[in-house]
């Protein structure tokens, strides 16, 4: 159970939000709020509508004062149709190599820090500073380029989430000569979608099983920004199977041309 002080604070926030947004009447009790939270136990699947929430995506990044994200996606008949990423430590300006490190949280509260990404299937992807009110209106798209040697690629900060030596060999096989940008969380999907980088590679150990809440929101944002995201065999990520993503080896998210080059490299680079 939640610590009493935390549960009380959450109950207060829920009631303030309900009153402000919906004009609800009497406040919910702490027990009612906790019961509502416990109803969020959907197994997912191919039928109906399911919300997919990761309240702190990139937990180690959050603890390490690096990047993290609050991620919300909506599944409709097994398809991700809506995605929202809140990235409190991410700069509004393009990412630099230092933005993945432990000094990221120290800039929170200053101008130009904190980003919100949104996308709806068929409607494009958008971005805004977290400090703005309202829905993001600035349209974003991936940065397509034919010069792969200068392409920037991203991977997970944690090596247990991706084999860094393998992704380095993949990048080299595709002609990439730059060093990777390592970030925690689905903030990488947002960075790819607004053109901060051209590629995100994620190849964990074979025993690791991907979960839908780690990718749902980011996947639709990348797609709506004009990028491609598949597993290593080139198959789209299948969010209709429940809570798990059972896929071929790893995940490739990139601009269309670089995505094709990485799939070719996967045929020749041993893992």
Protein backbone atom coordinates (compact mmCIF):
# COMPACT_ATOMS: atom_id res chain seq x y z
CA UNK A 1 0.00 0.00 0.00
CA UNK A 2 1.02 3.59 -0.59
CA UNK A 3 2.49 5.50 2.38
CA UNK A 4 -0.25 7.54 4.09
CA UNK A 5 1.23 10.92 3.16
CA UNK A 6 1.59 9.95 -0.50
CA UNK A 7 -1.94 8.50 -0.70
CA UNK A 8 -3.38 11.63 0.88
CA UNK A 9 -1.51 13.89 -1.54
CA UNK A 10 -2.63 11.84 -4.56
CA UNK A 11 -6.24 11.99 -3.35
CA UNK A 12 -6.02 15.77 -3.06
CA UNK A 13 -4.59 16.09 -6.58
CA UNK A 14 -7.29 13.83 -8.04
CA UNK A 15 -10.06 15.87 -6.44
CA UNK A 16 -8.56 19.21 -7.49
CA UNK A 17 -8.26 17.96 -11.07
CA UNK A 18 -11.78 16.54 -11.17
CA UNK A 19 -13.20 19.80 -9.89
CA UNK A 20 -11.20 21.94 -12.31
CA UNK A 21 -11.75 19.82 -15.41
CA UNK A 22 -15.17 18.26 -14.89
CA UNK A 23 -16.83 20.31 -12.18
CA UNK A 24 -17.47 17.19 -10.13
CA UNK A 25 -19.45 17.40 -6.96
CA UNK A 26 -18.37 15.82 -3.69
CA UNK A 27 -14.73 14.79 -3.34
CA UNK A 28 -13.59 11.19 -3.60
CA UNK A 29 -12.31 9.54 -0.46
CA UNK A 30 -8.82 8.10 -0.24
CA UNK A 31 -10.25 4.58 -0.35
CA UNK A 32 -12.25 5.39 -3.51
CA UNK A 33 -9.15 6.77 -5.27
CA UNK A 34 -7.11 3.68 -4.39
CA UNK A 35 -9.93 1.44 -5.66
CA UNK A 36 -9.98 3.36 -8.95
CA UNK A 37 -6.21 2.93 -9.32
CA UNK A 38 -6.59 -0.81 -8.75
CA UNK A 39 -9.08 -1.06 -11.63
CA UNK A 40 -6.19 -0.36 -14.01
CA UNK A 41 -5.36 -4.05 -14.31
CA UNK A 42 -6.35 -4.63 -17.91
CA UNK A 43 -4.50 -7.51 -19.60
CA UNK A 44 -4.67 -5.61 -22.90
CA UNK A 45 -5.26 -7.58 -26.07
CA UNK A 46 -6.76 -7.15 -29.53
CA UNK A 47 -10.28 -6.09 -28.55
CA UNK A 48 -11.65 -2.87 -27.10
CA UNK A 49 -9.88 0.18 -25.73
CA UNK A 50 -7.02 0.07 -23.25
CA UNK A 51 -4.96 2.85 -21.69
CA UNK A 52 -1.24 2.06 -21.32
CA UNK A 53 0.49 4.12 -18.64
CA UNK A 54 4.09 4.18 -17.47
CA UNK A 55 4.22 6.83 -14.73
CA UNK A 56 8.04 6.79 -14.52
CA UNK A 57 9.57 5.33 -17.66
CA UNK A 58 13.33 5.08 -17.25
CA UNK A 59 13.24 4.45 -13.50
CA UNK A 60 17.02 4.19 -13.27
CA UNK A 61 17.33 7.45 -15.16
CA UNK A 62 14.91 9.10 -12.73
CA UNK A 63 16.88 7.84 -9.73
CA UNK A 64 20.17 8.76 -11.40
CA UNK A 65 18.95 12.34 -12.14
CA UNK A 66 19.13 11.65 -15.89
CA UNK A 67 16.31 11.54 -18.45
CA UNK A 68 12.95 9.91 -17.75
CA UNK A 69 9.43 10.21 -19.14
CA UNK A 70 5.78 9.98 -18.18
CA UNK A 71 4.18 7.93 -20.94
CA UNK A 72 0.53 7.40 -21.86
CA UNK A 73 -0.76 5.49 -24.85
CA UNK A 74 -4.21 4.37 -25.94
CA UNK A 75 -4.85 1.06 -27.68
CA UNK A 76 -7.92 0.66 -29.85
CA UNK A 77 -8.52 -2.87 -31.15
CA UNK A 78 -4.85 -3.68 -30.58
CA UNK A 79 -3.50 -0.58 -32.38
CA UNK A 80 -1.82 2.36 -30.66
CA UNK A 81 -3.91 5.34 -31.72
CA UNK A 82 -2.78 7.98 -29.24
CA UNK A 83 0.51 8.74 -27.48
CA UNK A 84 1.74 11.33 -25.00
CA UNK A 85 5.29 11.69 -23.62
CA UNK A 86 6.13 14.14 -20.87
CA UNK A 87 9.91 14.59 -20.54
CA UNK A 88 10.62 16.89 -17.55
CA UNK A 89 14.44 16.88 -17.88
CA UNK A 90 14.62 17.21 -21.65
CA UNK A 91 15.65 20.54 -23.18
CA UNK A 92 13.36 22.30 -25.64
CA UNK A 93 16.44 22.91 -27.78
CA UNK A 94 18.02 19.95 -29.62
CA UNK A 95 19.78 17.43 -27.40
CA UNK A 96 23.51 17.64 -26.84
CA UNK A 97 25.77 14.76 -25.82
CA UNK A 98 25.67 15.93 -22.20
CA UNK A 99 21.89 15.87 -21.91
CA UNK A 100 21.81 12.15 -21.20
CA UNK A 101 23.94 12.45 -18.07
CA UNK A 102 23.31 12.96 -14.38
CA UNK A 103 23.26 16.75 -14.54
CA UNK A 104 19.98 16.74 -16.52
CA UNK A 105 17.75 17.00 -13.44
CA UNK A 106 19.70 19.97 -12.13
CA UNK A 107 18.27 22.16 -14.88
CA UNK A 108 14.62 21.44 -14.07
CA UNK A 109 12.72 24.62 -13.34
CA UNK A 110 14.85 26.75 -15.64
CA UNK A 111 13.72 28.20 -18.94
CA UNK A 112 13.85 25.83 -21.87
CA UNK A 113 13.67 22.58 -19.90
CA UNK A 114 10.74 20.17 -20.08
CA UNK A 115 9.05 18.90 -23.24
CA UNK A 116 5.67 17.41 -24.11
CA UNK A 117 5.18 15.21 -27.20
CA UNK A 118 1.79 14.10 -28.53
CA UNK A 119 0.49 12.14 -31.51
CA UNK A 120 -2.80 10.78 -32.74
CA UNK A 121 -3.00 8.15 -35.45
CA UNK A 122 -3.45 9.83 -38.81
CA UNK A 123 -3.04 13.35 -37.40
CA UNK A 124 0.73 13.84 -37.07
CA UNK A 125 3.09 14.38 -34.14
CA UNK A 126 3.51 17.56 -32.12
CA UNK A 127 5.71 19.10 -29.45
CA UNK A 128 5.56 21.93 -26.93
CA UNK A 129 7.43 23.09 -23.83
CA UNK A 130 5.98 21.56 -20.67
CA UNK A 131 5.51 25.08 -19.36
CA UNK A 132 2.95 25.83 -22.08
CA UNK A 133 -0.74 25.40 -21.42
CA UNK A 134 -2.97 23.59 -23.84
CA UNK A 135 -2.32 20.94 -26.47
CA UNK A 136 1.01 21.04 -28.38
CA UNK A 137 0.63 22.71 -31.78
CA UNK A 138 4.15 22.60 -33.27
CA UNK A 139 4.29 19.85 -35.88
CA UNK A 140 7.45 17.71 -35.86
CA UNK A 141 9.00 15.19 -38.24
CA UNK A 142 12.06 12.99 -38.40
CA UNK A 143 15.20 14.38 -40.04
CA UNK A 144 15.74 12.27 -43.16
CA UNK A 145 19.27 12.32 -44.61
CA UNK A 146 21.19 10.29 -47.16
CA UNK A 147 24.54 10.91 -45.44
CA UNK A 148 24.59 8.11 -42.90
CA UNK A 149 28.18 8.85 -41.86
CA UNK A 150 26.96 11.87 -39.93
CA UNK A 151 23.79 10.29 -38.61
CA UNK A 152 23.29 10.38 -34.87
CA UNK A 153 22.10 7.21 -33.21
CA UNK A 154 20.73 6.65 -29.75
CA UNK A 155 20.72 3.70 -27.42
CA UNK A 156 19.73 2.98 -23.83
CA UNK A 157 21.95 4.32 -21.09
CA UNK A 158 21.75 0.94 -19.34
CA UNK A 159 23.73 -1.79 -21.08
CA UNK A 160 21.29 -4.39 -19.75
CA UNK A 161 18.64 -2.78 -21.95
CA UNK A 162 20.78 -2.97 -25.08
CA UNK A 163 24.01 -4.63 -26.21
CA UNK A 164 26.19 -1.57 -26.83
CA UNK A 165 28.92 -3.48 -28.65
CA UNK A 166 26.39 -5.03 -31.04
CA UNK A 167 24.66 -1.75 -31.81
CA UNK A 168 28.08 -0.17 -32.45
CA UNK A 169 28.80 -2.87 -35.04
CA UNK A 170 25.39 -2.36 -36.61
CA UNK A 171 25.95 1.38 -36.89
CA UNK A 172 29.38 0.85 -38.41
CA UNK A 173 27.96 -1.59 -40.96
CA UNK A 174 25.39 1.05 -41.98
CA UNK A 175 28.14 3.65 -42.43
CA UNK A 176 27.62 5.61 -39.23
CA UNK A 177 30.81 7.16 -37.85
CA UNK A 178 29.44 9.19 -34.92
CA UNK A 179 29.40 8.15 -31.28
CA UNK A 180 26.06 7.10 -29.75
CA UNK A 181 23.89 9.35 -27.63
CA UNK A 182 22.82 7.36 -24.59
CA UNK A 183 19.53 8.24 -22.93
CA UNK A 184 17.11 6.62 -20.54
CA UNK A 185 13.41 6.19 -21.27
CA UNK A 186 11.10 6.87 -24.19
CA UNK A 187 12.57 10.37 -24.38
CA UNK A 188 14.60 8.76 -27.20
CA UNK A 189 11.44 8.35 -29.26
CA UNK A 190 10.65 12.02 -28.78
CA UNK A 191 14.18 13.02 -29.76
CA UNK A 192 14.00 10.93 -32.93
CA UNK A 193 10.60 12.38 -33.82
CA UNK A 194 11.75 15.99 -33.67
CA UNK A 195 15.00 15.35 -35.56
CA UNK A 196 17.57 15.36 -32.75
CA UNK A 197 18.84 11.98 -34.00
CA UNK A 198 18.14 9.65 -36.90
CA UNK A 199 18.21 6.24 -35.23
CA UNK A 200 17.38 4.41 -32.00
CA UNK A 201 18.60 0.84 -31.50
CA UNK A 202 17.51 -1.44 -28.66
CA UNK A 203 18.89 -4.97 -28.51
CA UNK A 204 18.69 -6.44 -24.99
CA UNK A 205 19.70 -9.96 -23.98
CA UNK A 206 17.62 -12.76 -25.44
CA UNK A 207 16.14 -13.44 -22.00
CA UNK A 208 14.71 -9.92 -21.75
CA UNK A 209 11.01 -9.59 -22.56
CA UNK A 210 9.78 -6.20 -23.74
CA UNK A 211 6.65 -4.69 -22.20
CA UNK A 212 4.10 -2.66 -24.12
CA UNK A 213 4.17 0.30 -21.72
CA UNK A 214 7.85 0.86 -22.52
CA UNK A 215 7.10 1.54 -26.19
CA UNK A 216 3.40 2.23 -26.92
CA UNK A 217 3.35 6.03 -26.63
CA UNK A 218 6.73 6.48 -28.31
CA UNK A 219 5.90 4.15 -31.18
CA UNK A 220 2.91 6.13 -32.39
CA UNK A 221 4.78 9.43 -32.00
CA UNK A 222 7.66 8.16 -34.15
CA UNK A 223 5.30 6.78 -36.77
CA UNK A 224 3.26 9.98 -36.97
CA UNK A 225 6.50 11.97 -37.30
CA UNK A 226 7.34 9.98 -40.43
CA UNK A 227 9.71 7.45 -38.88
CA UNK A 228 9.67 3.67 -38.98
CA UNK A 229 9.72 1.35 -35.98
CA UNK A 230 9.90 -2.43 -36.23
CA UNK A 231 11.62 -5.42 -34.74
CA UNK A 232 14.86 -6.77 -36.20
CA UNK A 233 12.97 -8.74 -38.84
CA UNK A 234 11.22 -5.61 -40.09
CA UNK A 235 7.88 -6.56 -38.54
CA UNK A 236 5.76 -3.85 -36.90
CA UNK A 237 5.56 -3.98 -33.11
CA UNK A 238 2.43 -5.92 -32.19
CA UNK A 239 0.63 -4.34 -29.24
CA UNK A 240 -2.40 -6.63 -29.55
CA UNK A 241 -0.92 -9.61 -27.67
CA UNK A 242 -1.39 -8.34 -24.14
CA UNK A 243 1.21 -6.86 -21.83
CA UNK A 244 4.26 -8.22 -23.62
CA UNK A 245 5.93 -7.47 -26.93
CA UNK A 246 7.19 -10.75 -28.35
CA UNK A 247 9.49 -9.73 -31.17
CA UNK A 248 12.51 -10.73 -33.21
CA UNK A 249 15.70 -9.85 -31.28
CA UNK A 250 15.36 -6.10 -30.87
CA UNK A 251 13.84 -2.80 -31.92
CA UNK A 252 14.88 -0.46 -34.73
CA UNK A 253 13.36 3.04 -34.85
CA UNK A 254 14.73 5.40 -37.47
CA UNK A 255 14.19 7.60 -40.47
CA UNK A 256 12.89 5.48 -43.39
CA UNK A 257 16.17 5.30 -45.32
CA UNK A 258 18.34 4.56 -42.30
CA UNK A 259 15.82 2.02 -41.06
CA UNK A 260 16.20 0.13 -44.35
CA UNK A 261 20.00 0.27 -44.06
CA UNK A 262 19.96 -1.15 -40.53
CA UNK A 263 17.70 -4.02 -41.58
CA UNK A 264 20.22 -4.85 -44.30
CA UNK A 265 23.07 -4.68 -41.78
CA UNK A 266 21.20 -7.06 -39.47
CA UNK A 267 21.50 -9.73 -42.15
CA UNK A 268 25.30 -9.68 -41.98
CA UNK A 269 26.30 -8.52 -38.48
CA UNK A 270 26.36 -11.40 -35.96
CA UNK A 271 24.86 -10.81 -32.54
